[in-house]
Amino acid sequence: MRKVTFGLCCAVFLATTAGAQVKKSEYSKSRYKVTKISRSKASVVCPVFEDSEYPYQGIGLKFGDPFALAYKFYPNKNWSFAVDAGKAASGLYNKYYRSLYNTYLPDTLSSEESINYLAHKAQPDWLVEAKFLYQWDAEKISKGLQLYAGLGWQWRLTTLEYNYNYVDGFSESLFGSFTETRFTYGPTVILGFEYSYFTLPLSAFIEVEWYTDVLLDPGYNRFQGGVGLRYVF
């Protein structure tokens, strides 16, 4: 009889302990519930979260030289195609445009005549550029960071207005002006980095370029660049 009673007590104790453990486990799970993010939602939170979600597109603005509408197409993880269209930072080219003044003067002036430069302005100063880029991860530096490099081609259309003072040696000097339209193009070499935020479908970038004129002024080179932000979808 004592053995039976002892066995029943042990069974009740074990059942009570097991029930308490189950309740404690359920309480712990409810208290420390882990939030799971589906792949579809993750791709919205971070546009470059999943390699399988390519292609992507991005559109935004670039600030610098030029100030432009910036579009980018990402067919896969490593390759991209970009187009910028906007206005060059004319102030950065002021010295260069000033140096072009003498190239527009007529070569039929007499020794008594002169056309003296007064001022100039560029309006407008448009450009369009297409770029083919290779990108690679730089997550060892920062999560979401990519470096890229590539080649491009740039078309430029500029209207220059020059003001001058004409002197012929006999009468009073005369004020005048003339305009010149320049269309030129050339290749570009691009280097930059891009950072994709994980809380918004945005991509920030900084890039520098090396432009070479091959039409109107062969051999003319200049650094360009800027910062920008694109909405990625």
C-alpha atoms as a PDB file:
ATOM      1  CA  MET A   1       0.000   0.000   0.000  1.00  0.00           C
ATOM      2  CA  ARG A   2       2.848   2.378   0.837  1.00  0.00           C
ATOM      3  CA  LYS A   3       4.451   1.647  -2.533  1.00  0.00           C
ATOM      4  CA  VAL A   4       1.225   2.442  -4.350  1.00  0.00           C
ATOM      5  CA  THR A   5       0.791   5.705  -2.433  1.00  0.00           C
ATOM      6  CA  PHE A   6       4.415   6.699  -3.080  1.00  0.00           C
ATOM      7  CA  GLY A   7       3.989   5.988  -6.803  1.00  0.00           C
ATOM      8  CA  LEU A   8       0.860   8.118  -7.029  1.00  0.00           C
ATOM      9  CA  CYS A   9       2.590  11.032  -5.302  1.00  0.00           C
ATOM     10  CA  CYS A  10       5.510  10.837  -7.728  1.00  0.00           C
ATOM     11  CA  ALA A  11       3.154  10.796 -10.706  1.00  0.00           C
ATOM     12  CA  VAL A  12       1.265  13.873  -9.438  1.00  0.00           C
ATOM     13  CA  PHE A  13       4.556  15.735  -8.816  1.00  0.00           C
ATOM     14  CA  LEU A  14       5.884  14.980 -12.307  1.00  0.00           C
ATOM     15  CA  ALA A  15       2.620  16.000 -13.976  1.00  0.00           C
ATOM     16  CA  THR A  16       2.545  19.296 -12.047  1.00  0.00           C
ATOM     17  CA  THR A  17       6.170  20.076 -12.924  1.00  0.00           C
ATOM     18  CA  ALA A  18       5.642  19.301 -16.620  1.00  0.00           C
ATOM     19  CA  GLY A  19       2.583  21.546 -16.766  1.00  0.00           C
ATOM     20  CA  ALA A  20       4.490  24.407 -15.194  1.00  0.00           C
ATOM     21  CA  GLN A  21       7.313  24.013 -17.710  1.00  0.00           C
ATOM     22  CA  VAL A  22       4.859  24.087 -20.632  1.00  0.00           C
ATOM     23  CA  LYS A  23       3.202  27.259 -19.331  1.00  0.00           C
ATOM     24  CA  LYS A  24       6.612  28.889 -18.744  1.00  0.00           C
ATOM     25  CA  SER A  25       7.720  27.963 -22.261  1.00  0.00           C
ATOM     26  CA  GLU A  26       4.542  29.399 -23.790  1.00  0.00           C
ATOM     27  CA  TYR A  27       4.974  32.592 -21.751  1.00  0.00           C
ATOM     28  CA  SER A  28       8.585  32.939 -22.861  1.00  0.00           C
ATOM     29  CA  LYS A  29       7.691  32.456 -26.525  1.00  0.00           C
ATOM     30  CA  SER A  30       4.927  35.050 -26.337  1.00  0.00           C
ATOM     31  CA  ARG A  31       7.176  37.492 -24.504  1.00  0.00           C
ATOM     32  CA  TYR A  32      10.210  37.099 -26.755  1.00  0.00           C
ATOM     33  CA  LYS A  33       8.495  36.572 -30.075  1.00  0.00           C
ATOM     34  CA  VAL A  34      10.880  37.017 -33.035  1.00  0.00           C
ATOM     35  CA  THR A  35       9.564  39.198 -35.855  1.00  0.00           C
ATOM     36  CA  LYS A  36       9.982  37.554 -39.237  1.00  0.00           C
ATOM     37  CA  ILE A  37      10.212  39.548 -42.477  1.00  0.00           C
ATOM     38  CA  SER A  38       9.074  37.874 -45.644  1.00  0.00           C
ATOM     39  CA  ARG A  39      11.260  38.003 -48.720  1.00  0.00           C
ATOM     40  CA  SER A  40       8.717  40.082 -50.603  1.00  0.00           C
ATOM     41  CA  LYS A  41       8.578  42.645 -47.801  1.00  0.00           C
ATOM     42  CA  ALA A  42      12.362  42.638 -47.414  1.00  0.00           C
ATOM     43  CA  SER A  43      12.797  43.498 -51.089  1.00  0.00           C
ATOM     44  CA  VAL A  44      10.634  46.570 -50.554  1.00  0.00           C
ATOM     45  CA  VAL A  45      12.481  47.647 -47.430  1.00  0.00           C
ATOM     46  CA  CYS A  46      15.845  47.163 -49.137  1.00  0.00           C
ATOM     47  CA  PRO A  47      15.701  47.332 -52.960  1.00  0.00           C
ATOM     48  CA  VAL A  48      18.953  45.417 -53.379  1.00  0.00           C
ATOM     49  CA  PHE A  49      18.179  42.883 -50.654  1.00  0.00           C
ATOM     50  CA  GLU A  50      17.667  39.880 -52.920  1.00  0.00           C
ATOM     51  CA  ASP A  51      19.824  38.994 -55.914  1.00  0.00           C
ATOM     52  CA  SER A  52      16.857  37.160 -57.418  1.00  0.00           C
ATOM     53  CA  GLU A  53      14.783  40.358 -57.554  1.00  0.00           C
ATOM     54  CA  TYR A  54      16.791  42.016 -60.356  1.00  0.00           C
ATOM     55  CA  PRO A  55      16.337  43.996 -62.589  1.00  0.00           C
ATOM     56  CA  TYR A  56      15.843  47.273 -60.726  1.00  0.00           C
ATOM     57  CA  GLN A  57      15.498  50.866 -61.874  1.00  0.00           C
ATOM     58  CA  GLY A  58      16.384  54.112 -60.156  1.00  0.00           C
ATOM     59  CA  ILE A  59      15.506  57.729 -60.875  1.00  0.00           C
ATOM     60  CA  GLY A  60      16.491  60.880 -59.020  1.00  0.00           C
ATOM     61  CA  LEU A  61      18.679  63.970 -59.056  1.00  0.00           C
ATOM     62  CA  LYS A  62      22.406  64.589 -59.283  1.00  0.00           C
ATOM     63  CA  PHE A  63      23.907  67.747 -57.751  1.00  0.00           C
ATOM     64  CA  GLY A  64      27.219  69.146 -58.910  1.00  0.00           C
ATOM     65  CA  ASP A  65      28.625  69.239 -62.407  1.00  0.00           C
ATOM     66  CA  PRO A  66      26.144  68.655 -63.884  1.00  0.00           C
ATOM     67  CA  PHE A  67      22.888  69.311 -62.075  1.00  0.00           C
ATOM     68  CA  ALA A  68      20.873  66.613 -63.787  1.00  0.00           C
ATOM     69  CA  LEU A  69      18.033  64.152 -63.815  1.00  0.00           C
ATOM     70  CA  ALA A  70      19.739  60.823 -63.107  1.00  0.00           C
ATOM     71  CA  TYR A  71      18.324  57.490 -64.318  1.00  0.00           C
ATOM     72  CA  LYS A  72      19.914  54.091 -63.727  1.00  0.00           C
ATOM     73  CA  PHE A  73      18.992  50.575 -64.842  1.00  0.00           C
ATOM     74  CA  TYR A  74      20.338  47.547 -62.945  1.00  0.00           C
ATOM     75  CA  PRO A  75      19.909  44.374 -65.069  1.00  0.00           C
ATOM     76  CA  ASN A  76      21.875  42.311 -62.537  1.00  0.00           C
ATOM     77  CA  LYS A  77      24.088  42.584 -59.469  1.00  0.00           C
ATOM     78  CA  ASN A  78      27.261  43.639 -61.279  1.00  0.00           C
ATOM     79  CA  TRP A  79      26.256  45.612 -64.371  1.00  0.00           C
ATOM     80  CA  SER A  80      24.292  48.837 -64.752  1.00  0.00           C
ATOM     81  CA  PHE A  81      23.441  51.464 -67.350  1.00  0.00           C
ATOM     82  CA  ALA A  82      22.951  55.133 -66.417  1.00  0.00           C
ATOM     83  CA  VAL A  83      21.809  58.298 -68.183  1.00  0.00           C
ATOM     84  CA  ASP A  84      22.217  61.868 -66.891  1.00  0.00           C
ATOM     85  CA  ALA A  85      20.514  64.848 -68.536  1.00  0.00           C
ATOM     86  CA  GLY A  86      20.778  68.391 -67.251  1.00  0.00           C
ATOM     87  CA  LYS A  87      22.839  71.585 -67.044  1.00  0.00           C
ATOM     88  CA  ALA A  88      26.572  71.914 -66.589  1.00  0.00           C
ATOM     89  CA  ALA A  89      27.930  74.058 -63.781  1.00  0.00           C
ATOM     90  CA  SER A  90      28.784  76.954 -66.102  1.00  0.00           C
ATOM     91  CA  GLY A  91      30.654  78.848 -63.411  1.00  0.00           C
ATOM     92  CA  LEU A  92      33.290  76.120 -63.324  1.00  0.00           C
ATOM     93  CA  TYR A  93      33.923  76.643 -67.040  1.00  0.00           C
ATOM     94  CA  ASN A  94      34.103  80.432 -66.859  1.00  0.00           C
ATOM     95  CA  LYS A  95      37.851  80.633 -67.470  1.00  0.00           C
ATOM     96  CA  TYR A  96      37.642  78.164 -70.348  1.00  0.00           C
ATOM     97  CA  TYR A  97      34.790  80.001 -72.083  1.00  0.00           C
ATOM     98  CA  ARG A  98      36.671  83.264 -71.628  1.00  0.00           C
ATOM     99  CA  SER A  99      39.677  81.755 -73.407  1.00  0.00           C
ATOM    100  CA  LEU A 100      37.509  80.880 -76.418  1.00  0.00           C
ATOM    101  CA  TYR A 101      36.698  84.536 -77.094  1.00  0.00           C
ATOM    102  CA  ASN A 102      39.702  85.180 -79.329  1.00  0.00           C
ATOM    103  CA  THR A 103      38.907  82.144 -81.477  1.00  0.00           C
ATOM    104  CA  TYR A 104      35.646  83.792 -82.568  1.00  0.00           C
ATOM    105  CA  LEU A 105      37.135  87.140 -83.603  1.00  0.00           C
ATOM    106  CA  PRO A 106      37.305  87.931 -87.332  1.00  0.00           C
ATOM    107  CA  ASP A 107      40.761  87.854 -88.900  1.00  0.00           C
ATOM    108  CA  THR A 108      40.003  90.813 -91.198  1.00  0.00           C
ATOM    109  CA  LEU A 109      40.557  93.589 -88.643  1.00  0.00           C
ATOM    110  CA  SER A 110      42.939  96.385 -89.606  1.00  0.00           C
ATOM    111  CA  SER A 111      45.763  97.509 -87.375  1.00  0.00           C
ATOM    112  CA  GLU A 112      43.600 100.390 -86.093  1.00  0.00           C
ATOM    113  CA  GLU A 113      40.638  98.168 -85.226  1.00  0.00           C
ATOM    114  CA  SER A 114      40.167  96.122 -82.079  1.00  0.00           C
ATOM    115  CA  ILE A 115      37.353  94.217 -80.427  1.00  0.00           C
ATOM    116  CA  ASN A 116      37.979  94.186 -76.701  1.00  0.00           C
ATOM    117  CA  TYR A 117      36.356  91.582 -74.466  1.00  0.00           C
ATOM    118  CA  LEU A 118      33.982  92.853 -71.773  1.00  0.00           C
ATOM    119  CA  ALA A 119      31.978  89.918 -70.441  1.00  0.00           C
ATOM    120  CA  HIS A 120      30.322  86.647 -71.368  1.00  0.00           C
ATOM    121  CA  LYS A 121      27.660  84.247 -70.184  1.00  0.00           C
ATOM    122  CA  ALA A 122      26.654  80.708 -71.060  1.00  0.00           C
ATOM    123  CA  GLN A 123      22.957  80.130 -71.625  1.00  0.00           C
ATOM    124  CA  PRO A 124      22.034  77.422 -71.785  1.00  0.00           C
ATOM    125  CA  ASP A 125      24.762  74.864 -71.098  1.00  0.00           C
ATOM    126  CA  TRP A 126      23.093  71.487 -71.579  1.00  0.00           C
ATOM    127  CA  LEU A 127      24.564  68.016 -71.531  1.00  0.00           C
ATOM    128  CA  VAL A 128      23.439  64.406 -71.870  1.00  0.00           C
ATOM    129  CA  GLU A 129      25.596  61.481 -70.822  1.00  0.00           C
ATOM    130  CA  ALA A 130      25.206  57.714 -71.166  1.00  0.00           C
ATOM    131  CA  LYS A 131      27.286  55.437 -68.916  1.00  0.00           C
ATOM    132  CA  PHE A 132      27.993  51.702 -68.821  1.00  0.00           C
ATOM    133  CA  LEU A 133      29.144  50.627 -65.349  1.00  0.00           C
ATOM    134  CA  TYR A 134      30.511  47.601 -63.505  1.00  0.00           C
ATOM    135  CA  GLN A 135      29.628  47.358 -59.802  1.00  0.00           C
ATOM    136  CA  TRP A 136      30.982  45.212 -56.976  1.00  0.00           C
ATOM    137  CA  ASP A 137      30.171  44.826 -53.281  1.00  0.00           C
ATOM    138  CA  ALA A 138      32.162  46.678 -50.646  1.00  0.00           C
ATOM    139  CA  GLU A 139      30.259  45.329 -47.642  1.00  0.00           C
ATOM    140  CA  LYS A 140      33.516  44.775 -45.759  1.00  0.00           C
ATOM    141  CA  ILE A 141      33.643  48.560 -45.497  1.00  0.00           C
ATOM    142  CA  SER A 142      29.942  49.151 -44.857  1.00  0.00           C
ATOM    143  CA  LYS A 143      26.752  47.143 -45.241  1.00  0.00           C
ATOM    144  CA  GLY A 144      24.959  48.072 -48.471  1.00  0.00           C
ATOM    145  CA  LEU A 145      27.974  49.806 -50.024  1.00  0.00           C
ATOM    146  CA  GLN A 146      28.958  49.231 -53.654  1.00  0.00           C
ATOM    147  CA  LEU A 147      31.830  50.585 -55.719  1.00  0.00           C
ATOM    148  CA  TYR A 148      31.553  51.087 -59.471  1.00  0.00           C
ATOM    149  CA  ALA A 149      33.627  52.112 -62.460  1.00  0.00           C
ATOM    150  CA  GLY A 150      32.913  52.420 -66.147  1.00  0.00           C
ATOM    151  CA  LEU A 151      32.971  54.323 -69.399  1.00  0.00           C
ATOM    152  CA  GLY A 152      30.546  56.806 -70.904  1.00  0.00           C
ATOM    153  CA  TRP A 153      29.896  59.245 -73.714  1.00  0.00           C
ATOM    154  CA  GLN A 154      28.864  62.873 -73.204  1.00  0.00           C
ATOM    155  CA  TRP A 155      27.138  65.314 -75.573  1.00  0.00           C
ATOM    156  CA  ARG A 156      27.270  69.049 -74.795  1.00  0.00           C
ATOM    157  CA  LEU A 157      25.308  71.973 -76.254  1.00  0.00           C
ATOM    158  CA  THR A 158      26.321  75.463 -75.138  1.00  0.00           C
ATOM    159  CA  THR A 159      25.247  78.927 -76.279  1.00  0.00           C
ATOM    160  CA  LEU A 160      27.820  81.591 -75.432  1.00  0.00           C
ATOM    161  CA  GLU A 161      27.052  85.307 -75.503  1.00  0.00           C
ATOM    162  CA  TYR A 162      30.024  87.682 -75.563  1.00  0.00           C
ATOM    163  CA  ASN A 163      29.932  91.437 -74.935  1.00  0.00           C
ATOM    164  CA  TYR A 164      32.701  93.533 -76.433  1.00  0.00           C
ATOM    165  CA  ASN A 165      33.891  97.067 -77.080  1.00  0.00           C
ATOM    166  CA  TYR A 166      34.727  97.884 -80.709  1.00  0.00           C
ATOM    167  CA  VAL A 167      37.356 100.545 -81.460  1.00  0.00           C
ATOM    168  CA  ASP A 168      38.352 101.612 -84.987  1.00  0.00           C
ATOM    169  CA  GLY A 169      40.814 104.386 -84.099  1.00  0.00           C
ATOM    170  CA  PHE A 170      38.723 107.188 -85.628  1.00  0.00           C
ATOM    171  CA  SER A 171      35.309 107.301 -83.948  1.00  0.00           C
ATOM    172  CA  GLU A 172      34.118 106.636 -80.428  1.00  0.00           C
ATOM    173  CA  SER A 173      34.137 103.056 -79.196  1.00  0.00           C
ATOM    174  CA  LEU A 174      30.993 101.039 -79.773  1.00  0.00           C
ATOM    175  CA  PHE A 175      29.404  98.419 -77.543  1.00  0.00           C
ATOM    176  CA  GLY A 176      28.393  95.157 -79.204  1.00  0.00           C
ATOM    177  CA  SER A 177      27.676  91.493 -78.598  1.00  0.00           C
ATOM    178  CA  PHE A 178      27.575  88.219 -80.479  1.00  0.00           C
ATOM    179  CA  THR A 179      26.570  84.635 -79.730  1.00  0.00           C
ATOM    180  CA  GLU A 180      28.162  81.324 -80.581  1.00  0.00           C
ATOM    181  CA  THR A 181      26.557  77.888 -80.320  1.00  0.00           C
ATOM    182  CA  ARG A 182      28.879  75.023 -79.502  1.00  0.00           C
ATOM    183  CA  PHE A 183      27.965  71.368 -79.935  1.00  0.00           C
ATOM    184  CA  THR A 184      30.626  68.876 -78.981  1.00  0.00           C
ATOM    185  CA  TYR A 185      31.086  65.440 -77.449  1.00  0.00           C
ATOM    186  CA  GLY A 186      33.612  63.057 -76.014  1.00  0.00           C
ATOM    187  CA  PRO A 187      34.251  60.003 -73.804  1.00  0.00           C
ATOM    188  CA  THR A 188      34.165  59.905 -70.014  1.00  0.00           C
ATOM    189  CA  VAL A 189      35.775  57.650 -67.415  1.00  0.00           C
ATOM    190  CA  ILE A 190      33.693  57.179 -64.254  1.00  0.00           C
ATOM    191  CA  LEU A 191      34.523  56.098 -60.695  1.00  0.00           C
ATOM    192  CA  GLY A 192      32.117  56.203 -57.777  1.00  0.00           C
ATOM    193  CA  PHE A 193      30.350  54.475 -54.926  1.00  0.00           C
ATOM    194  CA  GLU A 194      26.713  53.857 -54.140  1.00  0.00           C
ATOM    195  CA  TYR A 195      24.988  53.178 -50.832  1.00  0.00           C
ATOM    196  CA  SER A 196      21.550  51.590 -50.556  1.00  0.00           C
ATOM    197  CA  TYR A 197      19.585  52.301 -47.392  1.00  0.00           C
ATOM    198  CA  PHE A 198      17.830  49.410 -45.691  1.00  0.00           C
ATOM    199  CA  THR A 199      14.877  51.394 -44.338  1.00  0.00           C
ATOM    200  CA  LEU A 200      13.847  53.170 -47.564  1.00  0.00           C
ATOM    201  CA  PRO A 201      14.088  52.234 -51.270  1.00  0.00           C
ATOM    202  CA  LEU A 202      16.721  54.918 -51.856  1.00  0.00           C
ATOM    203  CA  SER A 203      20.206  54.863 -53.263  1.00  0.00           C
ATOM    204  CA  ALA A 204      22.773  57.594 -52.556  1.00  0.00           C
ATOM    205  CA  PHE A 205      25.856  57.979 -54.715  1.00  0.00           C
ATOM    206  CA  ILE A 206      29.015  60.016 -55.201  1.00  0.00           C
ATOM    207  CA  GLU A 207      30.976  59.899 -58.441  1.00  0.00           C
ATOM    208  CA  VAL A 208      33.821  61.623 -60.278  1.00  0.00           C
ATOM    209  CA  GLU A 209      34.397  61.659 -64.035  1.00  0.00           C
ATOM    210  CA  TRP A 210      37.138  62.551 -66.484  1.00  0.00           C
ATOM    211  CA  TYR A 211      35.796  64.121 -69.687  1.00  0.00           C
ATOM    212  CA  THR A 212      37.757  64.548 -72.936  1.00  0.00           C
ATOM    213  CA  ASP A 213      36.549  66.674 -75.862  1.00  0.00           C
ATOM    214  CA  VAL A 214      37.145  64.996 -79.226  1.00  0.00           C
ATOM    215  CA  LEU A 215      35.238  67.323 -81.581  1.00  0.00           C
ATOM    216  CA  LEU A 216      35.576  71.103 -81.164  1.00  0.00           C
ATOM    217  CA  ASP A 217      38.597  71.198 -78.871  1.00  0.00           C
ATOM    218  CA  PRO A 218      40.431  67.859 -79.134  1.00  0.00           C
ATOM    219  CA  GLY A 219      42.583  67.202 -76.119  1.00  0.00           C
ATOM    220  CA  TYR A 220      40.592  69.397 -73.735  1.00  0.00           C
ATOM    221  CA  ASN A 221      40.122  67.489 -70.451  1.00  0.00           C
ATOM    222  CA  ARG A 222      38.201  68.215 -67.295  1.00  0.00           C
ATOM    223  CA  PHE A 223      37.145  66.572 -64.042  1.00  0.00           C
ATOM    224  CA  GLN A 224      33.415  66.458 -63.359  1.00  0.00           C
ATOM    225  CA  GLY A 225      31.374  64.927 -60.578  1.00  0.00           C
ATOM    226  CA  GLY A 226      28.659  65.238 -58.015  1.00  0.00           C
ATOM    227  CA  VAL A 227      26.431  63.605 -55.439  1.00  0.00           C
ATOM    228  CA  GLY A 228      22.922  62.319 -55.918  1.00  0.00           C
ATOM    229  CA  LEU A 229      19.946  60.371 -54.681  1.00  0.00           C
ATOM    230  CA  ARG A 230      17.706  57.950 -56.574  1.00  0.00           C
ATOM    231  CA  TYR A 231      14.412  56.251 -55.777  1.00  0.00           C
ATOM    232  CA  VAL A 232      14.858  52.564 -56.600  1.00  0.00           C
ATOM    233  CA  PHE A 233      11.957  50.402 -57.770  1.00  0.00           C
END
